[in-house]
Every structure is written in C-alpha cells, then in structure tokens.
C-alpha cells in the first residue's frame, strides 16, 4: 500500500473512532500496514481530531525504528507484533472503549461468542495478561494472547482492547461488535444473578444499586443540586444545571452577580481556595457515578486511565447542605492529590485545569464507575497494584497531560 494513502486511512480512522466514542483525546492508537516490512501509526500523545499526515509515523516491523522527530505511539511494539504474527491483518486499532474496558478488569477470556459476532470477531476473545502501558510485559501478554487464539479482538487486562482487520472497515466493525459482545457478556451474568432477562447494562446498574441501597446500615445522604463552575481570576462563575449563573468572590464568598446559588457553592469555593491548579469543576450525576457513590466507599483503580487521570483512589465523603463549611473541608482533604471525589449518593466532583480536562476526568470517572459496577457482578475483583498505580499517575502528570495540549 502507498504510504501516503495508509496515513490518510489512519487519520480517517482516528476521527471516526472519536466521533463514535470508541477512543477519546490522545488515548489508544491506530496503525495501518504498508508492506511486509513497515506500518504507519499515530504519534504519541496527540489528539486525533487535529492529526495531519506529517504526524503519522512510518515504523519498521522488525526493529521498530523510525525517522524524524515525531515519536510514534509507545504501543508500537504491540502493533508490530500483530503484523508479524498475523499476515492477514492490515489494520490495527487499540481502543479504551467502555464495555471492553469493563471486561478487562475481570481478566477473563470470553469463550462464548454470540452468533451475530462470530463471523466478525471469531469463536473466542482472549484476555492478555496485564502490563504497564508501553512496557515489554504488556507486549508479551498481547503476543501470548495472539499466539493462543486467531480472534480478531484481544482484551488487554485493566487497559482496553485490540481490534484487528484486513483494513480500516474490518477493524472498525470488530471494535463496534466487540462492544456489543462485552455488554451481552455482562447482561448474561446479570441474568444468572437475578433470573430476569436483562436489557443491557442498565439492568446491571439497577441490580447493583439495589445491592448497595437495600443492605443493612445504608443511610441515604441528602440530595444535592449538581453544578459546574469556572475560575477567572479571583471570581468563579457557578451554574446549577438549568439555573442562572451566579458569580462569587473566591476569598469572601460574596455574591457578585446572579441570584441562584447551588447548595454546593461552599464546596466549589473551598476547592478553589486550596487547589490553585484547578480552574474548572463539574459535579457529575451520571447514572453509573451515582450508583458507585451509593456504596459510600472509595474506589481503587481497575483501569489504567483511571489511575492516570484520577489518582491512586477515588475517595468518598458525605456533603451535608446543613453543614456546608465542615463538609467542604472534609471533601477537599479527600481530594488531595486527586482530580475527583465521590459525594455519597450524589455522584462525583470532577476537577481539572481546563474545561476539556474536567470533561475528560468526568468521562474516566464514569467509565471507572461502570467498571466497578460490572466487577461487582462477579464479586471481589483485584485492582491494579498500588505501586503501579502511583507510577502511572506520576508519568501522566509529567508527560501525557502536557502533550494533550499540543
């Protein structure tokens, strides 16, 4: 295949994957075989929606060498292994897609593939052993999975998935079909537990919510109005969803403009006072996040991107609208070194240095909570090693978060 054409296919795939939600920001990677000796791949740490052909890197399959100043994806070795081991493969997509990620935390193969998916994926989906992103251990796990199965999809433990095809269209079809297979896998487990036909992941969410809220000792926290805010100098604009925006002075808390002040205003102010690195806050009450918050306990990372963006854990605290300053102080303390905190029965506070980063935090928290719900269908699931979790968080803060702004 012509190198220029291969690069255009990779750019097109990246944009389509972002549009469909199968990848986001700089996560995941895409490659296309050029010949028996070379492939082109997305660069390290650059957003898909602005990629140009000059940024797509030509890499040798045998030794991973490349020319130029732009670094290829750190997972180039995994893509090379796919092309080396599978001569029928001409296109590879590595995603962090939602339901495949949920299954990845279980670290299990899927050996029963629905009829509708067999022609596209194969008769099984292997799960590759866990390894830190970009490491030889991760590559070795993928090679072992590819060696023991001829599937067009590989689940990567605590990480995501690989989707293989002869071309862009086949790989894209594998990625979409894989999501359906993984959601069906979770629905089957829900059926086993409840004896009822499960209508997708929503049934699992409802079941786990009942487990959390109907248990002995459960006490519901006061309901809160979700709000989002933005810091501009010494002021914040605070908007309760559907309400008028209020403008508050960070130091005094005085109302400068507007009139509808959400009940969590003191919490937003407290965070901005203590965390100079934060300029945007989103109080998310997405369904899966609310269910996870009903458990009232901290969440440990079950996925790589959770460890990178959120931190070593997602702690939980109660916000009492009758004791806002005391509650805020406690929550800010639990937010230390992290970008999110669960509010008991009320979702999560997601924070970052920009609106786009805050939205990314919300997205990762949501996926992490989905994974937590899915894991609870199977009992206790082991999280990522704490040392590896902290290492990923350190690397992300020092490197990848800065690259995302390029």
Protein backbone atom coordinates (compact mmCIF):
# COMPACT_ATOMS: atom_id res chain seq x y z
CA UNK A 1 0.00 0.00 0.00
CA UNK A 2 1.14 3.54 -0.71
CA UNK A 3 2.45 5.19 2.48
CA UNK A 4 0.52 8.42 1.91
CA UNK A 5 -2.72 6.51 1.47
CA UNK A 6 -2.07 4.46 4.60
CA UNK A 7 -1.56 7.66 6.60
CA UNK A 8 -4.88 9.04 5.37
CA UNK A 9 -6.63 5.83 6.43
CA UNK A 10 -5.16 6.19 9.93
CA UNK A 11 -6.28 9.83 10.20
CA UNK A 12 -9.77 8.91 8.99
CA UNK A 13 -9.99 6.05 11.47
CA UNK A 14 -8.97 8.29 14.37
CA UNK A 15 -11.67 10.83 13.59
CA UNK A 16 -14.34 8.14 13.19
CA UNK A 17 -13.36 6.44 16.43
CA UNK A 18 -13.55 9.72 18.35
CA UNK A 19 -16.94 10.51 16.79
CA UNK A 20 -18.33 7.12 17.82
CA UNK A 21 -16.83 7.30 21.33
CA UNK A 22 -14.57 4.27 20.89
CA UNK A 23 -11.49 6.41 21.67
CA UNK A 24 -11.03 9.90 23.11
CA UNK A 25 -8.39 12.60 23.41
CA UNK A 26 -4.93 11.03 22.94
CA UNK A 27 -5.87 7.58 24.27
CA UNK A 28 -5.50 4.46 22.21
CA UNK A 29 -3.67 4.24 18.88
CA UNK A 30 -4.26 3.32 15.25
CA UNK A 31 -1.99 1.77 12.62
CA UNK A 32 -2.07 0.55 9.02
CA UNK A 33 0.23 -1.96 7.32
CA UNK A 34 2.15 -0.52 4.39
CA UNK A 35 4.09 -3.66 3.44
CA UNK A 36 5.61 -6.80 4.92
CA UNK A 37 8.30 -4.60 6.48
CA UNK A 38 6.59 -1.35 7.50
CA UNK A 39 3.44 0.15 9.03
CA UNK A 40 2.28 3.67 9.85
CA UNK A 41 0.96 4.59 13.28
CA UNK A 42 -0.43 7.54 15.24
CA UNK A 43 2.09 9.64 17.20
CA UNK A 44 2.48 9.64 20.96
CA UNK A 45 0.22 11.94 22.95
CA UNK A 46 -1.54 13.90 20.17
CA UNK A 47 -5.27 14.44 19.73
CA UNK A 48 -6.92 12.54 16.88
CA UNK A 49 -9.16 15.31 15.60
CA UNK A 50 -6.25 17.54 14.57
CA UNK A 51 -3.77 14.98 13.22
CA UNK A 52 -2.06 15.63 9.89
CA UNK A 53 -0.31 13.19 7.58
CA UNK A 54 3.06 14.65 8.61
CA UNK A 55 2.40 13.49 12.17
CA UNK A 56 1.69 9.87 11.24
CA UNK A 57 4.91 7.89 11.69
CA UNK A 58 6.34 5.17 9.42
CA UNK A 59 7.80 2.32 11.54
CA UNK A 60 9.75 -0.82 10.65
CA UNK A 61 8.09 -4.03 11.81
CA UNK A 62 11.27 -5.92 12.70
CA UNK A 63 13.14 -3.39 14.87
CA UNK A 64 10.59 -0.56 15.46
CA UNK A 65 12.94 2.04 14.01
CA UNK A 66 11.56 5.23 12.50
CA UNK A 67 12.78 8.51 11.03
CA UNK A 68 12.06 12.07 12.06
CA UNK A 69 11.45 13.95 15.31
CA UNK A 70 7.86 12.84 15.93
CA UNK A 71 7.68 9.84 18.24
CA UNK A 72 5.30 7.03 17.31
CA UNK A 73 2.87 5.62 19.87
CA UNK A 74 4.52 3.92 22.82
CA UNK A 75 2.47 0.83 21.91
CA UNK A 76 4.16 0.50 18.51
CA UNK A 77 5.66 -2.83 19.58
CA UNK A 78 2.20 -4.31 20.07
CA UNK A 79 1.12 -3.20 16.59
CA UNK A 80 4.31 -4.63 15.08
CA UNK A 81 3.62 -7.94 16.82
CA UNK A 82 0.13 -8.03 15.29
CA UNK A 83 1.52 -7.57 11.79
CA UNK A 84 4.34 -10.04 12.38
CA UNK A 85 2.14 -12.81 13.80
CA UNK A 86 -0.95 -12.25 11.65
CA UNK A 87 -0.19 -11.89 7.97
CA UNK A 88 -3.90 -11.42 7.27
CA UNK A 89 -4.01 -8.24 9.36
CA UNK A 90 -3.65 -4.91 7.60
CA UNK A 91 -5.13 -2.53 10.18
CA UNK A 92 -4.97 -2.38 13.98
CA UNK A 93 -6.99 -0.24 16.38
CA UNK A 94 -6.19 -0.08 20.10
CA UNK A 95 -9.16 1.34 21.99
CA UNK A 96 -10.17 2.15 25.54
CA UNK A 97 -13.81 1.51 24.64
CA UNK A 98 -16.23 1.28 27.54
CA UNK A 99 -17.61 -2.24 27.81
CA UNK A 100 -14.41 -3.94 26.65
CA UNK A 101 -12.66 -1.96 29.39
CA UNK A 102 -15.22 -3.17 31.94
CA UNK A 103 -14.49 -6.77 30.93
CA UNK A 104 -10.74 -6.10 31.01
CA UNK A 105 -10.90 -5.62 34.78
CA UNK A 106 -12.19 -9.19 35.13
CA UNK A 107 -9.08 -10.54 33.37
CA UNK A 108 -11.04 -13.32 31.73
CA UNK A 109 -11.39 -14.74 28.22
CA UNK A 110 -14.78 -14.67 26.52
CA UNK A 111 -15.28 -18.18 25.17
CA UNK A 112 -18.93 -17.96 24.19
CA UNK A 113 -19.38 -15.57 21.29
CA UNK A 114 -22.95 -14.77 20.13
CA UNK A 115 -23.82 -15.94 16.63
CA UNK A 116 -24.07 -12.38 15.30
CA UNK A 117 -20.41 -11.70 16.17
CA UNK A 118 -18.60 -14.89 15.18
CA UNK A 119 -18.05 -14.00 11.54
CA UNK A 120 -16.60 -10.62 12.52
CA UNK A 121 -14.58 -11.50 15.65
CA UNK A 122 -14.14 -15.26 15.72
CA UNK A 123 -15.06 -18.01 18.16
CA UNK A 124 -13.41 -16.52 21.25
CA UNK A 125 -11.84 -13.35 22.66
CA UNK A 126 -8.62 -13.87 24.66
CA UNK A 127 -7.57 -11.60 27.50
CA UNK A 128 -3.91 -10.57 27.52
CA UNK A 129 -2.00 -10.51 30.81
CA UNK A 130 -1.63 -7.09 32.44
CA UNK A 131 1.41 -4.93 31.98
CA UNK A 132 2.02 -1.20 32.42
CA UNK A 133 1.38 0.89 29.29
CA UNK A 134 4.31 0.91 26.89
CA UNK A 135 6.18 -1.92 28.63
CA UNK A 136 7.59 -5.21 27.42
CA UNK A 137 5.32 -7.05 29.83
CA UNK A 138 2.24 -5.61 28.15
CA UNK A 139 3.61 -6.56 24.72
CA UNK A 140 4.42 -10.07 25.90
CA UNK A 141 0.90 -10.53 27.21
CA UNK A 142 -0.58 -9.49 23.87
CA UNK A 143 1.78 -11.82 21.96
CA UNK A 144 0.73 -14.73 24.15
CA UNK A 145 -2.94 -13.93 23.53
CA UNK A 146 -2.40 -13.69 19.76
CA UNK A 147 -0.48 -16.98 19.78
CA UNK A 148 -3.22 -18.97 21.52
CA UNK A 149 -6.13 -17.54 19.55
CA UNK A 150 -6.90 -16.46 16.00
CA UNK A 151 -9.53 -13.96 17.22
CA UNK A 152 -9.77 -10.53 15.63
CA UNK A 153 -10.15 -8.97 19.09
CA UNK A 154 -7.94 -9.09 22.17
CA UNK A 155 -8.93 -7.70 25.56
CA UNK A 156 -6.00 -6.17 27.45
CA UNK A 157 -6.32 -6.62 31.21
CA UNK A 158 -7.07 -3.35 33.10
CA UNK A 159 -6.48 -1.45 29.88
CA UNK A 160 -8.69 -1.79 26.81
CA UNK A 161 -8.77 -3.78 23.58
CA UNK A 162 -7.06 -4.53 20.29
CA UNK A 163 -9.20 -4.78 17.17
CA UNK A 164 -7.66 -6.38 14.07
CA UNK A 165 -8.80 -6.46 10.47
CA UNK A 166 -7.69 -6.64 6.89
CA UNK A 167 -8.46 -2.93 6.52
CA UNK A 168 -9.98 0.06 8.29
CA UNK A 169 -13.56 -1.07 7.75
CA UNK A 170 -12.99 -4.55 9.15
CA UNK A 171 -11.13 -3.24 12.21
CA UNK A 172 -13.85 -0.67 12.83
CA UNK A 173 -16.51 -3.39 12.59
CA UNK A 174 -14.57 -5.50 15.09
CA UNK A 175 -14.43 -2.59 17.54
CA UNK A 176 -18.17 -1.93 17.34
CA UNK A 177 -19.06 -5.62 17.53
CA UNK A 178 -16.75 -6.12 20.49
CA UNK A 179 -18.73 -3.55 22.50
CA UNK A 180 -21.93 -5.46 21.83
CA UNK A 181 -20.34 -8.77 22.80
CA UNK A 182 -18.94 -7.36 26.05
CA UNK A 183 -22.26 -5.77 27.03
CA UNK A 184 -24.02 -9.07 26.28
CA UNK A 185 -21.45 -10.87 28.46
CA UNK A 186 -22.36 -8.60 31.39
CA UNK A 187 -26.09 -8.97 30.71
CA UNK A 188 -25.74 -12.77 30.83
CA UNK A 189 -24.11 -12.50 34.24
CA UNK A 190 -26.93 -10.25 35.44
CA UNK A 191 -29.42 -12.86 34.23
CA UNK A 192 -27.62 -15.53 36.26
CA UNK A 193 -27.86 -13.39 39.39
CA UNK A 194 -31.42 -12.13 39.04
CA UNK A 195 -33.17 -14.78 36.98
CA UNK A 196 -34.56 -11.97 34.83
CA UNK A 197 -33.89 -11.05 31.22
CA UNK A 198 -31.50 -8.11 31.35
CA UNK A 199 -31.87 -5.18 28.99
CA UNK A 200 -28.25 -4.17 28.53
CA UNK A 201 -26.03 -2.59 31.16
CA UNK A 202 -28.91 -0.65 32.69
CA UNK A 203 -30.18 -3.85 34.30
CA UNK A 204 -26.79 -4.46 35.87
CA UNK A 205 -26.73 -0.90 37.17
CA UNK A 206 -30.18 -1.31 38.70
CA UNK A 207 -29.24 -4.62 40.35
CA UNK A 208 -26.04 -3.26 41.91
CA UNK A 209 -27.87 -0.12 43.06
CA UNK A 210 -30.32 -2.35 44.92
CA UNK A 211 -27.42 -4.25 46.48
CA UNK A 212 -25.91 -1.01 47.79
CA UNK A 213 -29.10 0.71 48.94
CA UNK A 214 -31.00 -2.22 50.41
CA UNK A 215 -28.18 -3.51 52.55
CA UNK A 216 -28.16 -3.30 56.33
CA UNK A 217 -26.95 0.04 57.65
CA UNK A 218 -27.47 2.02 54.45
CA UNK A 219 -28.34 5.64 55.14
CA UNK A 220 -29.11 7.92 52.21
CA UNK A 221 -27.27 11.23 52.09
CA UNK A 222 -29.22 14.46 51.49
CA UNK A 223 -29.88 15.11 47.77
CA UNK A 224 -27.79 17.84 46.11
CA UNK A 225 -28.15 20.04 43.05
CA UNK A 226 -25.42 19.32 40.53
CA UNK A 227 -23.42 22.36 39.41
CA UNK A 228 -20.40 23.27 37.34
CA UNK A 229 -18.05 26.19 37.84
CA UNK A 230 -15.10 28.03 36.35
CA UNK A 231 -12.42 30.16 37.96
CA UNK A 232 -11.49 33.50 36.36
CA UNK A 233 -9.00 35.39 38.49
CA UNK A 234 -10.47 35.87 41.98
CA UNK A 235 -14.02 35.08 40.84
CA UNK A 236 -15.92 31.94 39.95
CA UNK A 237 -18.98 31.52 37.78
CA UNK A 238 -21.18 28.83 39.29
CA UNK A 239 -24.04 27.31 37.36
CA UNK A 240 -26.57 24.86 38.74
CA UNK A 241 -27.68 22.89 35.71
CA UNK A 242 -30.76 24.62 34.33
CA UNK A 243 -30.33 27.64 36.61
CA UNK A 244 -28.94 31.14 36.21
CA UNK A 245 -25.20 31.56 36.64
CA UNK A 246 -24.03 33.08 39.93
CA UNK A 247 -20.71 34.93 40.22
CA UNK A 248 -18.91 34.63 43.57
CA UNK A 249 -15.75 36.11 45.05
CA UNK A 250 -13.43 33.24 46.00
CA UNK A 251 -11.90 34.91 49.05
CA UNK A 252 -15.04 36.30 50.70
CA UNK A 253 -17.70 34.09 49.14
CA UNK A 254 -19.74 37.21 48.41
CA UNK A 255 -22.31 37.09 45.62
CA UNK A 256 -21.16 39.47 42.87
CA UNK A 257 -23.75 38.68 40.25
CA UNK A 258 -26.72 36.43 39.62
CA UNK A 259 -29.03 35.05 42.27
CA UNK A 260 -29.42 31.26 42.10
CA UNK A 261 -26.62 29.83 44.24
CA UNK A 262 -26.49 25.98 44.35
CA UNK A 263 -26.30 24.26 47.73
CA UNK A 264 -22.76 23.09 46.95
CA UNK A 265 -21.38 26.63 46.41
CA UNK A 266 -19.20 26.47 49.55
CA UNK A 267 -17.65 23.24 48.29
CA UNK A 268 -16.66 24.82 44.98
CA UNK A 269 -15.22 27.84 46.79
CA UNK A 270 -13.26 25.64 49.20
CA UNK A 271 -11.72 23.65 46.36
CA UNK A 272 -10.60 26.77 44.52
CA UNK A 273 -9.10 28.22 47.70
CA UNK A 274 -7.00 25.14 48.39
CA UNK A 275 -6.22 23.98 44.85
CA UNK A 276 -4.61 26.68 42.72
CA UNK A 277 -4.13 24.13 39.92
CA UNK A 278 -7.89 23.80 39.41
CA UNK A 279 -9.88 26.18 37.21
CA UNK A 280 -12.90 24.03 36.31
CA UNK A 281 -15.21 21.83 38.38
CA UNK A 282 -18.01 19.56 37.18
CA UNK A 283 -20.40 17.94 39.64
CA UNK A 284 -21.43 14.88 37.66
CA UNK A 285 -24.56 12.92 38.46
CA UNK A 286 -24.32 10.44 35.60
CA UNK A 287 -26.22 7.28 36.47
CA UNK A 288 -23.24 4.96 36.91
CA UNK A 289 -21.37 7.51 39.01
CA UNK A 290 -24.37 7.95 41.31
CA UNK A 291 -24.68 4.17 41.77
CA UNK A 292 -20.98 3.87 42.63
CA UNK A 293 -21.37 6.71 45.13
CA UNK A 294 -24.21 4.82 46.82
CA UNK A 295 -21.65 2.30 48.04
CA UNK A 296 -20.16 5.03 50.24
CA UNK A 297 -16.62 3.67 49.92
CA UNK A 298 -13.54 4.61 47.95
CA UNK A 299 -12.89 3.10 44.53
CA UNK A 300 -9.47 1.69 43.68
CA UNK A 301 -8.25 1.79 40.06
CA UNK A 302 -9.46 -1.10 37.94
CA UNK A 303 -8.29 0.62 34.74
CA UNK A 304 -5.07 2.31 33.64
CA UNK A 305 -6.67 5.58 32.56
CA UNK A 306 -8.45 5.84 35.92
CA UNK A 307 -5.10 5.65 37.71
CA UNK A 308 -3.60 8.23 35.35
CA UNK A 309 -6.31 10.89 35.45
CA UNK A 310 -7.98 10.39 38.83
CA UNK A 311 -5.18 9.22 41.11
CA UNK A 312 -4.45 6.28 43.43
CA UNK A 313 -8.08 6.10 44.57
CA UNK A 314 -11.44 7.81 44.25
CA UNK A 315 -12.43 8.63 47.81
CA UNK A 316 -15.98 9.19 49.04
CA UNK A 317 -17.45 11.70 51.50
CA UNK A 318 -20.85 12.98 52.57
CA UNK A 319 -21.77 16.58 51.79
CA UNK A 320 -24.27 17.92 54.30
CA UNK A 321 -26.10 21.04 53.00
CA UNK A 322 -26.76 21.99 56.63
CA UNK A 323 -23.04 21.92 57.47
CA UNK A 324 -21.51 23.15 54.24
CA UNK A 325 -18.20 24.51 55.56
CA UNK A 326 -17.43 21.45 57.67
CA UNK A 327 -18.41 19.11 54.85
CA UNK A 328 -16.39 21.08 52.31
CA UNK A 329 -13.25 20.93 54.44
CA UNK A 330 -13.51 17.16 54.69
CA UNK A 331 -14.10 16.72 50.97
CA UNK A 332 -11.20 18.99 49.97
CA UNK A 333 -8.94 16.88 52.18
CA UNK A 334 -10.05 13.71 50.41
CA UNK A 335 -9.44 15.37 47.06
CA UNK A 336 -5.73 15.90 47.84
CA UNK A 337 -3.50 14.52 45.09
CA UNK A 338 -6.54 13.58 43.02
CA UNK A 339 -8.82 15.05 40.39
CA UNK A 340 -12.13 13.68 41.61
CA UNK A 341 -14.02 12.69 44.73
CA UNK A 342 -17.31 10.82 45.19
CA UNK A 343 -20.16 12.52 47.04
CA UNK A 344 -22.20 9.88 48.87
CA UNK A 345 -25.40 9.18 46.86
CA UNK A 346 -24.77 12.30 44.75
CA UNK A 347 -22.24 11.42 42.07
CA UNK A 348 -18.76 12.93 41.89
CA UNK A 349 -16.87 16.21 41.83
CA UNK A 350 -14.51 16.24 38.80
CA UNK A 351 -11.76 18.88 38.70
CA UNK A 352 -9.03 19.98 36.30
CA UNK A 353 -7.00 22.87 34.95
CA UNK A 354 -9.28 23.35 31.93
CA UNK A 355 -12.83 22.59 30.89
CA UNK A 356 -11.73 19.94 28.40
CA UNK A 357 -9.63 18.22 31.07
CA UNK A 358 -12.51 18.36 33.56
CA UNK A 359 -14.75 16.71 30.96
CA UNK A 360 -12.06 14.06 30.45
CA UNK A 361 -11.95 13.43 34.19
CA UNK A 362 -15.73 13.07 34.22
CA UNK A 363 -15.57 10.61 31.33
CA UNK A 364 -12.91 8.48 33.02
CA UNK A 365 -14.75 8.56 36.35
CA UNK A 366 -17.91 7.44 34.55
CA UNK A 367 -16.10 4.55 32.85
CA UNK A 368 -14.38 3.64 36.11
CA UNK A 369 -17.74 3.52 37.88
CA UNK A 370 -19.18 1.36 35.09
CA UNK A 371 -16.24 -0.97 35.58
CA UNK A 372 -16.84 -1.00 39.33
CA UNK A 373 -20.49 -1.94 38.75
CA UNK A 374 -19.51 -4.67 36.29
CA UNK A 375 -16.90 -6.03 38.68
CA UNK A 376 -19.48 -6.24 41.45
CA UNK A 377 -21.48 -8.66 39.31
CA UNK A 378 -18.62 -11.11 39.79
CA UNK A 379 -17.74 -10.48 43.42
CA UNK A 380 -14.37 -9.17 44.51
CA UNK A 381 -12.08 -8.09 41.65
CA UNK A 382 -8.44 -7.28 42.31
CA UNK A 383 -7.44 -3.67 41.47
CA UNK A 384 -4.18 -2.57 39.87
CA UNK A 385 -1.12 -2.80 42.12
CA UNK A 386 -0.81 0.44 44.19
CA UNK A 387 2.84 0.96 43.23
CA UNK A 388 1.99 0.70 39.52
CA UNK A 389 -0.98 2.99 40.06
CA UNK A 390 1.16 5.75 41.56
CA UNK A 391 3.80 5.32 38.86
CA UNK A 392 1.21 5.79 36.09
CA UNK A 393 -0.19 8.85 37.83
CA UNK A 394 3.29 10.38 38.07
CA UNK A 395 4.12 9.71 34.41
CA UNK A 396 0.80 11.08 33.20
CA UNK A 397 1.13 14.30 35.18
CA UNK A 398 4.67 14.86 33.94
CA UNK A 399 4.25 13.89 30.32
CA UNK A 400 1.00 12.94 28.66
CA UNK A 401 -1.23 15.66 30.09
CA UNK A 402 1.12 18.27 28.64
CA UNK A 403 1.22 16.55 25.25
CA UNK A 404 -2.58 16.60 25.07
CA UNK A 405 -2.45 20.38 24.81
CA UNK A 406 -0.20 20.36 21.74
